[in-house]
């Protein structure tokens, strides 16, 4: 093999490796940065919920539209693919949260911005959430998009009655969005002693 062929082979190998790694799922987390939401901070309630021992909040492990399946694996099963039908506008998100009886509890609600930001894993991105505790598997196409998206908060924008805050778990940022837009939904409830 001559030098030109060697360089071509190396370049092609690099492209294939880069493309394949972009298809693989998993958060990007630099090893030298301490996790802000470590696994030990969460207690699995084995019913589709986890308790954050730091904030004393109980969270739905799965986003609306993604199913919890303890029988095959205690995780969220995205078997239908994360589609726009899984996202809701702000009013729909509120209604779903207050009507939920997940794990036998009737006091679910939409989290406020501070509560939802408490789930942001500041040491990672794509997704910027603990992807062990809030894992999603069996997504068609191999990339569970259910974690790497924006989620509604209950926090409205003071200056604009038509807008509310979302938290984007792709990079951990917060943004103002129109309430008629469709975004993901995750329920929360307070732990009662």
Protein backbone atom coordinates (compact mmCIF):
# COMPACT_ATOMS: atom_id res chain seq x y z
CA UNK A 1 0.00 0.00 0.00
CA UNK A 2 1.39 3.40 -0.88
CA UNK A 3 1.14 6.57 1.23
CA UNK A 4 -1.87 7.89 -0.70
CA UNK A 5 -3.79 4.65 -0.12
CA UNK A 6 -2.79 4.62 3.56
CA UNK A 7 -4.02 8.19 4.04
CA UNK A 8 -7.26 7.40 2.21
CA UNK A 9 -7.80 4.31 4.39
CA UNK A 10 -7.10 6.28 7.59
CA UNK A 11 -9.44 9.09 6.53
CA UNK A 12 -12.22 6.65 5.61
CA UNK A 13 -11.76 4.81 8.92
CA UNK A 14 -12.01 8.12 10.76
CA UNK A 15 -15.24 9.03 8.95
CA UNK A 16 -16.80 5.63 9.64
CA UNK A 17 -15.80 5.76 13.31
CA UNK A 18 -17.10 9.33 13.66
CA UNK A 19 -20.39 8.46 11.99
CA UNK A 20 -20.86 5.30 14.06
CA UNK A 21 -20.13 7.11 17.31
CA UNK A 22 -22.66 9.79 16.43
CA UNK A 23 -25.30 7.06 16.14
CA UNK A 24 -24.43 5.51 19.50
CA UNK A 25 -26.56 6.65 22.42
CA UNK A 26 -25.12 8.01 25.60
CA UNK A 27 -24.43 11.27 27.30
CA UNK A 28 -21.15 13.02 26.72
CA UNK A 29 -19.61 13.47 30.17
CA UNK A 30 -15.99 14.59 30.60
CA UNK A 31 -14.36 12.25 33.13
CA UNK A 32 -12.72 15.03 35.15
CA UNK A 33 -15.99 16.81 36.03
CA UNK A 34 -17.91 15.67 39.11
CA UNK A 35 -21.52 14.70 38.46
CA UNK A 36 -24.18 17.07 39.83
CA UNK A 37 -26.95 14.42 39.87
CA UNK A 38 -25.17 11.15 40.73
CA UNK A 39 -27.05 7.83 40.72
CA UNK A 40 -26.81 7.65 44.53
CA UNK A 41 -28.93 10.81 44.82
CA UNK A 42 -31.97 8.91 43.51
CA UNK A 43 -33.94 6.07 45.04
CA UNK A 44 -35.80 3.78 42.62
CA UNK A 45 -39.31 3.15 43.95
CA UNK A 46 -39.77 0.20 41.53
CA UNK A 47 -43.10 1.58 40.33
CA UNK A 48 -42.13 3.95 37.54
CA UNK A 49 -40.99 6.67 39.92
CA UNK A 50 -37.75 7.76 41.55
CA UNK A 51 -37.22 9.89 44.64
CA UNK A 52 -34.56 12.58 44.64
CA UNK A 53 -33.14 12.32 48.16
CA UNK A 54 -31.56 15.77 47.88
CA UNK A 55 -34.67 17.74 46.86
CA UNK A 56 -37.24 15.38 48.44
CA UNK A 57 -39.21 15.28 45.19
CA UNK A 58 -40.66 12.19 43.52
CA UNK A 59 -40.33 12.11 39.73
CA UNK A 60 -41.95 10.05 37.00
CA UNK A 61 -39.06 8.09 35.49
CA UNK A 62 -40.59 8.30 32.03
CA UNK A 63 -41.78 11.23 29.97
CA UNK A 64 -45.42 11.26 28.92
CA UNK A 65 -45.80 8.85 26.01
CA UNK A 66 -42.95 6.55 27.06
CA UNK A 67 -43.88 3.46 29.08
CA UNK A 68 -42.31 2.11 32.26
CA UNK A 69 -41.78 -1.64 32.01
CA UNK A 70 -40.50 -3.33 35.16
CA UNK A 71 -41.19 -6.82 33.75
CA UNK A 72 -38.45 -6.74 31.14
CA UNK A 73 -36.20 -4.12 32.69
CA UNK A 74 -36.81 -1.41 35.27
CA UNK A 75 -36.57 1.38 32.77
CA UNK A 76 -38.55 3.39 30.25
CA UNK A 77 -39.42 1.53 27.07
CA UNK A 78 -39.68 3.73 24.00
CA UNK A 79 -41.11 1.00 21.76
CA UNK A 80 -43.30 3.26 19.62
CA UNK A 81 -40.66 5.86 18.92
CA UNK A 82 -40.63 9.30 20.44
CA UNK A 83 -43.07 11.15 18.21
CA UNK A 84 -44.86 14.49 18.25
CA UNK A 85 -47.89 12.72 19.73
CA UNK A 86 -45.85 12.36 22.92
CA UNK A 87 -45.43 16.12 23.25
CA UNK A 88 -48.10 18.43 24.61
CA UNK A 89 -48.89 22.11 24.77
CA UNK A 90 -48.72 23.82 28.17
CA UNK A 91 -52.44 23.52 28.95
CA UNK A 92 -52.47 19.81 28.01
CA UNK A 93 -49.35 19.23 30.12
CA UNK A 94 -51.03 20.76 33.19
CA UNK A 95 -54.15 18.67 32.68
CA UNK A 96 -52.23 15.41 32.22
CA UNK A 97 -50.17 16.04 35.35
CA UNK A 98 -53.13 16.81 37.60
CA UNK A 99 -55.12 13.84 36.28
CA UNK A 100 -52.29 11.31 36.60
CA UNK A 101 -52.53 8.49 39.14
CA UNK A 102 -49.04 7.15 38.42
CA UNK A 103 -47.91 4.66 41.08
CA UNK A 104 -51.16 5.19 43.00
CA UNK A 105 -50.56 8.90 43.71
CA UNK A 106 -53.11 11.54 42.74
CA UNK A 107 -51.07 14.65 43.50
CA UNK A 108 -48.80 14.83 40.45
CA UNK A 109 -48.11 18.22 38.90
CA UNK A 110 -45.95 19.96 36.34
CA UNK A 111 -42.61 20.94 37.93
CA UNK A 112 -41.64 24.58 38.31
CA UNK A 113 -38.46 25.77 36.63
CA UNK A 114 -36.27 25.39 39.73
CA UNK A 115 -37.48 21.83 40.29
CA UNK A 116 -36.92 20.77 36.69
CA UNK A 117 -33.51 22.46 36.60
CA UNK A 118 -32.55 20.34 39.63
CA UNK A 119 -32.52 17.33 37.26
CA UNK A 120 -30.02 18.94 34.88
CA UNK A 121 -26.73 17.03 34.93
CA UNK A 122 -24.28 19.92 34.56
CA UNK A 123 -21.35 17.58 33.83
CA UNK A 124 -22.96 16.12 30.70
CA UNK A 125 -24.75 17.00 27.51
CA UNK A 126 -26.80 15.15 24.91
CA UNK A 127 -28.56 14.47 27.23
CA UNK A 128 -27.91 16.75 30.20
CA UNK A 129 -29.79 14.47 32.59
CA UNK A 130 -28.80 11.36 34.54
CA UNK A 131 -29.34 8.82 31.77
CA UNK A 132 -29.06 5.89 34.16
CA UNK A 133 -31.89 6.99 36.45
CA UNK A 134 -33.99 8.41 33.61
CA UNK A 135 -32.93 5.87 30.99
CA UNK A 136 -34.88 5.07 27.84
CA UNK A 137 -34.31 1.88 25.86
CA UNK A 138 -35.68 0.09 22.80
CA UNK A 139 -36.13 3.25 20.82
CA UNK A 140 -36.68 2.61 17.12
CA UNK A 141 -33.57 3.76 15.30
CA UNK A 142 -31.46 3.19 18.41
CA UNK A 143 -31.40 6.78 19.66
CA UNK A 144 -33.80 7.50 22.51
CA UNK A 145 -34.77 11.09 21.83
CA UNK A 146 -37.04 11.19 24.87
CA UNK A 147 -34.22 12.50 27.07
CA UNK A 148 -32.56 14.91 24.66
CA UNK A 149 -35.45 17.39 24.32
CA UNK A 150 -37.16 20.33 26.04
CA UNK A 151 -39.69 19.76 28.83
CA UNK A 152 -42.43 22.09 30.05
CA UNK A 153 -42.29 23.73 33.47
CA UNK A 154 -45.25 25.22 35.32
CA UNK A 155 -43.45 28.56 35.46
CA UNK A 156 -45.13 31.20 33.29
CA UNK A 157 -43.32 34.21 31.90
CA UNK A 158 -44.31 37.21 34.01
CA UNK A 159 -44.25 39.70 31.12
CA UNK A 160 -46.05 37.43 28.64
CA UNK A 161 -49.20 35.47 29.51
CA UNK A 162 -48.81 33.41 26.34
CA UNK A 163 -45.36 32.01 27.26
CA UNK A 164 -43.79 29.70 29.83
CA UNK A 165 -40.36 28.28 30.60
CA UNK A 166 -38.97 24.99 29.31
CA UNK A 167 -35.78 23.16 30.28
CA UNK A 168 -33.86 21.64 27.38
CA UNK A 169 -32.15 18.40 28.39
CA UNK A 170 -29.96 18.39 25.32
CA UNK A 171 -27.69 20.99 26.91
CA UNK A 172 -29.34 21.95 30.22
CA UNK A 173 -30.47 25.38 29.09
CA UNK A 174 -33.77 27.08 29.89
CA UNK A 175 -35.83 29.03 27.40
CA UNK A 176 -39.11 30.88 27.00
CA UNK A 177 -41.60 29.20 24.67
CA UNK A 178 -45.14 29.94 23.52
CA UNK A 179 -47.70 27.95 25.55
CA UNK A 180 -49.31 26.62 22.38
CA UNK A 181 -46.05 24.90 21.38
CA UNK A 182 -45.61 21.16 21.94
CA UNK A 183 -42.88 19.98 24.32
CA UNK A 184 -42.21 16.95 26.48
CA UNK A 185 -43.77 16.44 29.90
CA UNK A 186 -42.43 14.87 33.12
CA UNK A 187 -44.48 14.75 36.31
CA UNK A 188 -43.31 15.56 39.84
CA UNK A 189 -44.84 15.43 43.30
CA UNK A 190 -43.79 16.44 46.79
CA UNK A 191 -42.89 13.70 49.24
CA UNK A 192 -45.24 13.78 52.20
CA UNK A 193 -43.76 12.63 55.51
